[in-house]
Amino acid sequence: MRKASSNWLGKTIMAVVMGVLIVSFGIWGIADIFKGFGQSTFAKVGGTEISAEQFRQIYTDRLQQLGRQFGRPLTPDQARLRD
C-alpha cells in the first residue's frame, strides 16, 4: 500500500478511497442520529405504543403499591432483586 501510494496515481486513488469512506461513514452516522429523533416510544405491543413517560409512570405507581404492601418504601434497586 505504501509503495502503491508513492506516485501521483496511487495518491489520487488513496485519496478517493479515503474520501468515499469518510463520506459514507458521515452519512451513515447522520442517518442514525435523525432516525430516532423525537421518538419517545418505549415499547410497541401489537398495535399499542407505550411511551417512555407512560412506562415511567406505571413503574413508579407499581413500585409505590408494592411498598405499601410491604409496609416500607421500595427502591428501584430492591425492585430489581430476585430470589
PDB file of N, CA and C in Angstrom:
ATOM      1  N   MET A   1       0.832  -1.172   0.000  1.00  0.00           N
ATOM      2  CA  MET A   1       0.000   0.000   0.000  1.00  0.00           C
ATOM      3  C   MET A   1       0.887   1.249   0.000  1.00  0.00           C
ATOM      4  N   ARG A   2       1.920   1.224   0.814  1.00  0.00           N
ATOM      5  CA  ARG A   2       2.813   2.369   0.882  1.00  0.00           C
ATOM      6  C   ARG A   2       3.500   2.580  -0.462  1.00  0.00           C
ATOM      7  N   LYS A   3       3.958   1.483  -1.074  1.00  0.00           N
ATOM      8  CA  LYS A   3       4.651   1.576  -2.355  1.00  0.00           C
ATOM      9  C   LYS A   3       3.694   2.044  -3.451  1.00  0.00           C
ATOM     10  N   ALA A   4       2.454   1.523  -3.411  1.00  0.00           N
ATOM     11  CA  ALA A   4       1.477   1.887  -4.432  1.00  0.00           C
ATOM     12  C   ALA A   4       1.079   3.350  -4.336  1.00  0.00           C
ATOM     13  N   SER A   5       1.090   3.925  -3.156  1.00  0.00           N
ATOM     14  CA  SER A   5       0.667   5.322  -2.999  1.00  0.00           C
ATOM     15  C   SER A   5       1.832   6.300  -3.084  1.00  0.00           C
ATOM     16  N   SER A   6       2.985   5.839  -3.531  1.00  0.00           N
ATOM     17  CA  SER A   6       4.140   6.734  -3.621  1.00  0.00           C
ATOM     18  C   SER A   6       4.103   7.597  -4.878  1.00  0.00           C
ATOM     19  N   ASN A   7       3.416   7.187  -5.931  1.00  0.00           N
ATOM     20  CA  ASN A   7       3.341   8.032  -7.126  1.00  0.00           C
ATOM     21  C   ASN A   7       2.017   8.788  -7.147  1.00  0.00           C
ATOM     22  N   TRP A   8       1.856   9.672  -8.110  1.00  0.00           N
ATOM     23  CA  TRP A   8       0.673  10.536  -8.137  1.00  0.00           C
ATOM     24  C   TRP A   8      -0.617   9.757  -8.367  1.00  0.00           C
ATOM     25  N   LEU A   9      -0.584   8.683  -9.168  1.00  0.00           N
ATOM     26  CA  LEU A   9      -1.778   7.879  -9.415  1.00  0.00           C
ATOM     27  C   LEU A   9      -2.218   7.156  -8.143  1.00  0.00           C
ATOM     28  N   GLY A  10      -1.256   6.584  -7.436  1.00  0.00           N
ATOM     29  CA  GLY A  10      -1.558   5.893  -6.181  1.00  0.00           C
ATOM     30  C   GLY A  10      -2.110   6.839  -5.134  1.00  0.00           C
ATOM     31  N   LYS A  11      -1.535   8.045  -5.054  1.00  0.00           N
ATOM     32  CA  LYS A  11      -2.017   9.041  -4.089  1.00  0.00           C
ATOM     33  C   LYS A  11      -3.447   9.469  -4.417  1.00  0.00           C
ATOM     34  N   THR A  12      -3.729   9.610  -5.700  1.00  0.00           N
ATOM     35  CA  THR A  12      -5.075  10.004  -6.119  1.00  0.00           C
ATOM     36  C   THR A  12      -6.091   8.918  -5.771  1.00  0.00           C
ATOM     37  N   ILE A  13      -5.743   7.677  -6.048  1.00  0.00           N
ATOM     38  CA  ILE A  13      -6.647   6.560  -5.740  1.00  0.00           C
ATOM     39  C   ILE A  13      -6.870   6.451  -4.236  1.00  0.00           C
ATOM     40  N   MET A  14      -5.810   6.584  -3.463  1.00  0.00           N
ATOM     41  CA  MET A  14      -5.945   6.514  -1.999  1.00  0.00           C
ATOM     42  C   MET A  14      -6.800   7.668  -1.471  1.00  0.00           C
ATOM     43  N   ALA A  15      -6.639   8.848  -2.059  1.00  0.00           N
ATOM     44  CA  ALA A  15      -7.440  10.000  -1.635  1.00  0.00           C
ATOM     45  C   ALA A  15      -8.919   9.760  -1.935  1.00  0.00           C
ATOM     46  N   VAL A  16      -9.213   9.191  -3.099  1.00  0.00           N
ATOM     47  CA  VAL A  16     -10.600   8.906  -3.455  1.00  0.00           C
ATOM     48  C   VAL A  16     -11.190   7.859  -2.520  1.00  0.00           C
ATOM     49  N   VAL A  17     -10.435   6.791  -2.259  1.00  0.00           N
ATOM     50  CA  VAL A  17     -10.913   5.737  -1.359  1.00  0.00           C
ATOM     51  C   VAL A  17     -11.173   6.303   0.038  1.00  0.00           C
ATOM     52  N   MET A  18     -10.244   7.085   0.551  1.00  0.00           N
ATOM     53  CA  MET A  18     -10.433   7.671   1.889  1.00  0.00           C
ATOM     54  C   MET A  18     -11.611   8.637   1.891  1.00  0.00           C
ATOM     55  N   GLY A  19     -11.776   9.405   0.824  1.00  0.00           N
ATOM     56  CA  GLY A  19     -12.905  10.332   0.725  1.00  0.00           C
ATOM     57  C   GLY A  19     -14.236   9.604   0.737  1.00  0.00           C
ATOM     58  N   VAL A  20     -14.314   8.503  -0.016  1.00  0.00           N
ATOM     59  CA  VAL A  20     -15.545   7.712  -0.046  1.00  0.00           C
ATOM     60  C   VAL A  20     -15.843   7.134   1.340  1.00  0.00           C
ATOM     61  N   LEU A  21     -14.813   6.648   2.018  1.00  0.00           N
ATOM     62  CA  LEU A  21     -15.015   6.110   3.374  1.00  0.00           C
ATOM     63  C   LEU A  21     -15.511   7.185   4.331  1.00  0.00           C
ATOM     64  N   ILE A  22     -14.897   8.342   4.282  1.00  0.00           N
ATOM     65  CA  ILE A  22     -15.288   9.433   5.187  1.00  0.00           C
ATOM     66  C   ILE A  22     -16.732   9.860   4.917  1.00  0.00           C
ATOM     67  N   VAL A  23     -17.078  10.032   3.654  1.00  0.00           N
ATOM     68  CA  VAL A  23     -18.436  10.450   3.307  1.00  0.00           C
ATOM     69  C   VAL A  23     -19.460   9.384   3.697  1.00  0.00           C
ATOM     70  N   SER A  24     -19.145   8.112   3.429  1.00  0.00           N
ATOM     71  CA  SER A  24     -20.117   7.054   3.747  1.00  0.00           C
ATOM     72  C   SER A  24     -20.338   6.930   5.254  1.00  0.00           C
ATOM     73  N   PHE A  25     -19.267   7.017   6.052  1.00  0.00           N
ATOM     74  CA  PHE A  25     -19.450   6.958   7.499  1.00  0.00           C
ATOM     75  C   PHE A  25     -20.177   8.196   8.004  1.00  0.00           C
ATOM     76  N   GLY A  26     -19.920   9.333   7.379  1.00  0.00           N
ATOM     77  CA  GLY A  26     -20.628  10.554   7.767  1.00  0.00           C
ATOM     78  C   GLY A  26     -22.120  10.444   7.512  1.00  0.00           C
ATOM     79  N   ILE A  27     -22.495   9.955   6.344  1.00  0.00           N
ATOM     80  CA  ILE A  27     -23.915   9.797   6.007  1.00  0.00           C
ATOM     81  C   ILE A  27     -24.562   8.746   6.896  1.00  0.00           C
ATOM     82  N   TRP A  28     -23.858   7.652   7.131  1.00  0.00           N
ATOM     83  CA  TRP A  28     -24.370   6.584   7.980  1.00  0.00           C
ATOM     84  C   TRP A  28     -24.627   7.097   9.388  1.00  0.00           C
ATOM     85  N   GLY A  29     -23.685   7.849   9.947  1.00  0.00           N
ATOM     86  CA  GLY A  29     -23.827   8.389  11.295  1.00  0.00           C
ATOM     87  C   GLY A  29     -24.946   9.408  11.392  1.00  0.00           C
ATOM     88  N   ILE A  30     -25.050  10.274  10.403  1.00  0.00           N
ATOM     89  CA  ILE A  30     -26.093  11.299  10.415  1.00  0.00           C
ATOM     90  C   ILE A  30     -27.468  10.656  10.305  1.00  0.00           C
ATOM     91  N   ALA A  31     -27.602   9.649   9.480  1.00  0.00           N
ATOM     92  CA  ALA A  31     -28.899   8.973   9.328  1.00  0.00           C
ATOM     93  C   ALA A  31     -29.331   8.346  10.646  1.00  0.00           C
ATOM     94  N   ASP A  32     -28.401   7.758  11.392  1.00  0.00           N
ATOM     95  CA  ASP A  32     -28.747   7.152  12.672  1.00  0.00           C
ATOM     96  C   ASP A  32     -29.188   8.192  13.695  1.00  0.00           C
ATOM     97  N   ILE A  33     -28.593   9.363  13.640  1.00  0.00           N
ATOM     98  CA  ILE A  33     -28.958  10.411  14.602  1.00  0.00           C
ATOM     99  C   ILE A  33     -30.403  10.856  14.376  1.00  0.00           C
ATOM    100  N   PHE A  34     -30.767  11.102  13.122  1.00  0.00           N
ATOM    101  CA  PHE A  34     -32.098  11.629  12.823  1.00  0.00           C
ATOM    102  C   PHE A  34     -33.177  10.551  12.771  1.00  0.00           C
ATOM    103  N   LYS A  35     -32.785   9.303  12.672  1.00  0.00           N
ATOM    104  CA  LYS A  35     -33.739   8.201  12.580  1.00  0.00           C
ATOM    105  C   LYS A  35     -34.629   8.118  13.822  1.00  0.00           C
ATOM    106  N   GLY A  36     -34.051   8.264  14.998  1.00  0.00           N
ATOM    107  CA  GLY A  36     -34.823   8.133  16.226  1.00  0.00           C
ATOM    108  C   GLY A  36     -35.160   9.460  16.871  1.00  0.00           C
ATOM    109  N   PHE A  37     -34.860  10.563  16.187  1.00  0.00           N
ATOM    110  CA  PHE A  37     -35.079  11.885  16.763  1.00  0.00           C
ATOM    111  C   PHE A  37     -36.556  12.143  16.996  1.00  0.00           C
ATOM    112  N   GLY A  38     -36.898  12.521  18.222  1.00  0.00           N
ATOM    113  CA  GLY A  38     -38.263  12.874  18.558  1.00  0.00           C
ATOM    114  C   GLY A  38     -39.153  11.696  18.926  1.00  0.00           C
ATOM    115  N   GLN A  39     -38.653  10.501  18.825  1.00  0.00           N
ATOM    116  CA  GLN A  39     -39.468   9.353  19.183  1.00  0.00           C
ATOM    117  C   GLN A  39     -39.353   9.111  20.681  1.00  0.00           C
ATOM    118  N   SER A  40     -40.481   8.909  21.312  1.00  0.00           N
ATOM    119  CA  SER A  40     -40.456   8.616  22.741  1.00  0.00           C
ATOM    120  C   SER A  40     -41.121   7.273  23.012  1.00  0.00           C
ATOM    121  N   THR A  41     -41.248   6.438  21.994  1.00  0.00           N
ATOM    122  CA  THR A  41     -41.873   5.130  22.167  1.00  0.00           C
ATOM    123  C   THR A  41     -40.907   4.205  22.887  1.00  0.00           C
ATOM    124  N   PHE A  42     -41.329   3.691  24.017  1.00  0.00           N
ATOM    125  CA  PHE A  42     -40.501   2.783  24.809  1.00  0.00           C
ATOM    126  C   PHE A  42     -40.662   1.357  24.327  1.00  0.00           C
ATOM    127  N   ALA A  43     -41.919   0.998  23.999  1.00  0.00           N
ATOM    128  CA  ALA A  43     -42.199  -0.360  23.533  1.00  0.00           C
ATOM    129  C   ALA A  43     -43.444  -0.318  22.659  1.00  0.00           C
ATOM    130  N   LYS A  44     -43.562  -1.341  21.822  1.00  0.00           N
ATOM    131  CA  LYS A  44     -44.752  -1.475  20.993  1.00  0.00           C
ATOM    132  C   LYS A  44     -45.239  -2.907  21.136  1.00  0.00           C
ATOM    133  N   VAL A  45     -46.470  -3.060  21.605  1.00  0.00           N
ATOM    134  CA  VAL A  45     -47.064  -4.380  21.807  1.00  0.00           C
ATOM    135  C   VAL A  45     -48.277  -4.454  20.898  1.00  0.00           C
ATOM    136  N   GLY A  46     -48.184  -5.300  19.883  1.00  0.00           N
ATOM    137  CA  GLY A  46     -49.252  -5.341  18.887  1.00  0.00           C
ATOM    138  C   GLY A  46     -49.310  -3.995  18.197  1.00  0.00           C
ATOM    139  N   GLY A  47     -50.447  -3.357  18.244  1.00  0.00           N
ATOM    140  CA  GLY A  47     -50.588  -2.028  17.654  1.00  0.00           C
ATOM    141  C   GLY A  47     -50.514  -0.920  18.681  1.00  0.00           C
ATOM    142  N   THR A  48     -50.284  -1.268  19.945  1.00  0.00           N
ATOM    143  CA  THR A  48     -50.263  -0.286  21.015  1.00  0.00           C
ATOM    144  C   THR A  48     -48.844   0.167  21.306  1.00  0.00           C
ATOM    145  N   GLU A  49     -48.639   1.468  21.251  1.00  0.00           N
ATOM    146  CA  GLU A  49     -47.331   2.028  21.586  1.00  0.00           C
ATOM    147  C   GLU A  49     -47.355   2.529  23.027  1.00  0.00           C
ATOM    148  N   ILE A  50     -46.273   2.260  23.742  1.00  0.00           N
ATOM    149  CA  ILE A  50     -46.125   2.713  25.125  1.00  0.00           C
ATOM    150  C   ILE A  50     -44.995   3.725  25.145  1.00  0.00           C
ATOM    151  N   SER A  51     -45.304   4.929  25.573  1.00  0.00           N
ATOM    152  CA  SER A  51     -44.275   5.969  25.610  1.00  0.00           C
ATOM    153  C   SER A  51     -43.381   5.762  26.828  1.00  0.00           C
ATOM    154  N   ALA A  52     -42.220   6.364  26.778  1.00  0.00           N
ATOM    155  CA  ALA A  52     -41.284   6.274  27.903  1.00  0.00           C
ATOM    156  C   ALA A  52     -41.904   6.895  29.152  1.00  0.00           C
ATOM    157  N   GLU A  53     -42.652   7.969  28.968  1.00  0.00           N
ATOM    158  CA  GLU A  53     -43.301   8.626  30.110  1.00  0.00           C
ATOM    159  C   GLU A  53     -44.388   7.738  30.716  1.00  0.00           C
ATOM    160  N   GLN A  54     -45.173   7.060  29.882  1.00  0.00           N
ATOM    161  CA  GLN A  54     -46.197   6.139  30.397  1.00  0.00           C
ATOM    162  C   GLN A  54     -45.546   4.998  31.169  1.00  0.00           C
ATOM    163  N   PHE A  55     -44.479   4.447  30.639  1.00  0.00           N
ATOM    164  CA  PHE A  55     -43.787   3.360  31.322  1.00  0.00           C
ATOM    165  C   PHE A  55     -43.248   3.826  32.665  1.00  0.00           C
ATOM    166  N   ARG A  56     -42.610   4.994  32.682  1.00  0.00           N
ATOM    167  CA  ARG A  56     -42.056   5.522  33.932  1.00  0.00           C
ATOM    168  C   ARG A  56     -43.150   5.715  34.973  1.00  0.00           C
ATOM    169  N   GLN A  57     -44.308   6.248  34.556  1.00  0.00           N
ATOM    170  CA  GLN A  57     -45.406   6.492  35.488  1.00  0.00           C
ATOM    171  C   GLN A  57     -45.971   5.190  36.034  1.00  0.00           C
ATOM    172  N   ILE A  58     -46.198   4.211  35.169  1.00  0.00           N
ATOM    173  CA  ILE A  58     -46.738   2.919  35.612  1.00  0.00           C
ATOM    174  C   ILE A  58     -45.746   2.213  36.532  1.00  0.00           C
ATOM    175  N   TYR A  59     -44.456   2.274  36.186  1.00  0.00           N
ATOM    176  CA  TYR A  59     -43.418   1.652  37.017  1.00  0.00           C
ATOM    177  C   TYR A  59     -43.383   2.283  38.403  1.00  0.00           C
ATOM    178  N   THR A  60     -43.434   3.603  38.454  1.00  0.00           N
ATOM    179  CA  THR A  60     -43.419   4.311  39.745  1.00  0.00           C
ATOM    180  C   THR A  60     -44.658   3.967  40.571  1.00  0.00           C
ATOM    181  N   ASP A  61     -45.825   3.956  39.929  1.00  0.00           N
ATOM    182  CA  ASP A  61     -47.062   3.610  40.640  1.00  0.00           C
ATOM    183  C   ASP A  61     -46.997   2.194  41.210  1.00  0.00           C
ATOM    184  N   ARG A  62     -46.523   1.253  40.410  1.00  0.00           N
ATOM    185  CA  ARG A  62     -46.433  -0.147  40.870  1.00  0.00           C
ATOM    186  C   ARG A  62     -45.423  -0.284  42.004  1.00  0.00           C
ATOM    187  N   LEU A  63     -44.329   0.438  41.933  1.00  0.00           N
ATOM    188  CA  LEU A  63     -43.324   0.409  42.997  1.00  0.00           C
ATOM    189  C   LEU A  63     -43.911   0.937  44.311  1.00  0.00           C
ATOM    190  N   GLN A  64     -44.725   1.990  44.210  1.00  0.00           N
ATOM    191  CA  GLN A  64     -45.376   2.524  45.401  1.00  0.00           C
ATOM    192  C   GLN A  64     -46.407   1.547  45.963  1.00  0.00           C
ATOM    193  N   GLN A  65     -47.145   0.862  45.094  1.00  0.00           N
ATOM    194  CA  GLN A  65     -48.111  -0.147  45.546  1.00  0.00           C
ATOM    195  C   GLN A  65     -47.407  -1.261  46.312  1.00  0.00           C
ATOM    196  N   LEU A  66     -46.321  -1.747  45.764  1.00  0.00           N
ATOM    197  CA  LEU A  66     -45.573  -2.815  46.436  1.00  0.00           C
ATOM    198  C   LEU A  66     -45.005  -2.322  47.771  1.00  0.00           C
ATOM    199  N   GLY A  67     -44.550  -1.087  47.794  1.00  0.00           N
ATOM    200  CA  GLY A  67     -44.048  -0.518  49.044  1.00  0.00           C
ATOM    201  C   GLY A  67     -45.123  -0.470  50.115  1.00  0.00           C
ATOM    202  N   ARG A  68     -46.351  -0.126  49.719  1.00  0.00           N
ATOM    203  CA  ARG A  68     -47.459  -0.104  50.683  1.00  0.00           C
ATOM    204  C   ARG A  68     -47.784  -1.517  51.164  1.00  0.00           C
ATOM    205  N   GLN A  69     -47.704  -2.502  50.272  1.00  0.00           N
ATOM    206  CA  GLN A  69     -47.974  -3.882  50.657  1.00  0.00           C
ATOM    207  C   GLN A  69     -46.950  -4.390  51.670  1.00  0.00           C
ATOM    208  N   PHE A  70     -45.695  -4.033  51.474  1.00  0.00           N
ATOM    209  CA  PHE A  70     -44.633  -4.484  52.378  1.00  0.00           C
ATOM    210  C   PHE A  70     -44.485  -3.597  53.606  1.00  0.00           C
ATOM    211  N   GLY A  71     -45.170  -2.466  53.616  1.00  0.00           N
ATOM    212  CA  GLY A  71     -45.126  -1.581  54.772  1.00  0.00           C
ATOM    213  C   GLY A  71     -43.884  -0.706  54.824  1.00  0.00           C
ATOM    214  N   ARG A  72     -43.146  -0.652  53.756  1.00  0.00           N
ATOM    215  CA  ARG A  72     -41.971   0.226  53.693  1.00  0.00           C
ATOM    216  C   ARG A  72     -41.706   0.569  52.226  1.00  0.00           C
ATOM    217  N   PRO A  73     -41.146   1.732  51.975  1.00  0.00           N
ATOM    218  CA  PRO A  73     -40.870   2.123  50.584  1.00  0.00           C
ATOM    219  C   PRO A  73     -39.814   1.210  49.946  1.00  0.00           C
ATOM    220  N   LEU A  74     -39.986   0.924  48.692  1.00  0.00           N
ATOM    221  CA  LEU A  74     -39.020   0.125  47.950  1.00  0.00           C
ATOM    222  C   LEU A  74     -38.210   1.030  47.020  1.00  0.00           C
ATOM    223  N   THR A  75     -36.936   0.753  46.941  1.00  0.00           N
ATOM    224  CA  THR A  75     -36.084   1.470  45.992  1.00  0.00           C
ATOM    225  C   THR A  75     -36.103   0.714  44.657  1.00  0.00           C
ATOM    226  N   PRO A  76     -35.757   1.383  43.564  1.00  0.00           N
ATOM    227  CA  PRO A  76     -35.681   0.671  42.284  1.00  0.00           C
ATOM    228  C   PRO A  76     -34.682  -0.505  42.337  1.00  0.00           C
ATOM    229  N   ASP A  77     -33.592  -0.377  43.093  1.00  0.00           N
ATOM    230  CA  ASP A  77     -32.636  -1.465  43.220  1.00  0.00           C
ATOM    231  C   ASP A  77     -33.272  -2.676  43.909  1.00  0.00           C
ATOM    232  N   GLN A  78     -34.061  -2.437  44.941  1.00  0.00           N
ATOM    233  CA  GLN A  78     -34.732  -3.524  45.635  1.00  0.00           C
ATOM    234  C   GLN A  78     -35.762  -4.193  44.721  1.00  0.00           C
ATOM    235  N   ALA A  79     -36.413  -3.394  43.870  1.00  0.00           N
ATOM    236  CA  ALA A  79     -37.419  -3.952  42.968  1.00  0.00           C
ATOM    237  C   ALA A  79     -36.775  -4.887  41.938  1.00  0.00           C
ATOM    238  N   ARG A  80     -35.526  -4.633  41.585  1.00  0.00           N
ATOM    239  CA  ARG A  80     -34.827  -5.476  40.603  1.00  0.00           C
ATOM    240  C   ARG A  80     -34.315  -6.770  41.174  1.00  0.00           C
ATOM    241  N   LEU A  81     -34.221  -6.882  42.498  1.00  0.00           N
ATOM    242  CA  LEU A  81     -33.665  -8.097  43.119  1.00  0.00           C
ATOM    243  C   LEU A  81     -34.589  -9.284  42.877  1.00  0.00           C
ATOM    244  N   ARG A  82     -33.956 -10.451  42.711  1.00  0.00           N
ATOM    245  CA  ARG A  82     -34.705 -11.691  42.522  1.00  0.00           C
ATOM    246  C   ARG A  82     -34.371 -12.632  43.668  1.00  0.00           C
ATOM    247  N   ASP A  83     -35.234 -13.611  43.872  1.00  0.00           N
ATOM    248  CA  ASP A  83     -34.986 -14.602  44.918  1.00  0.00           C
ATOM    249  C   ASP A  83     -33.794 -15.453  44.580  1.00  0.00           C
TER     250      ASP A  83
END
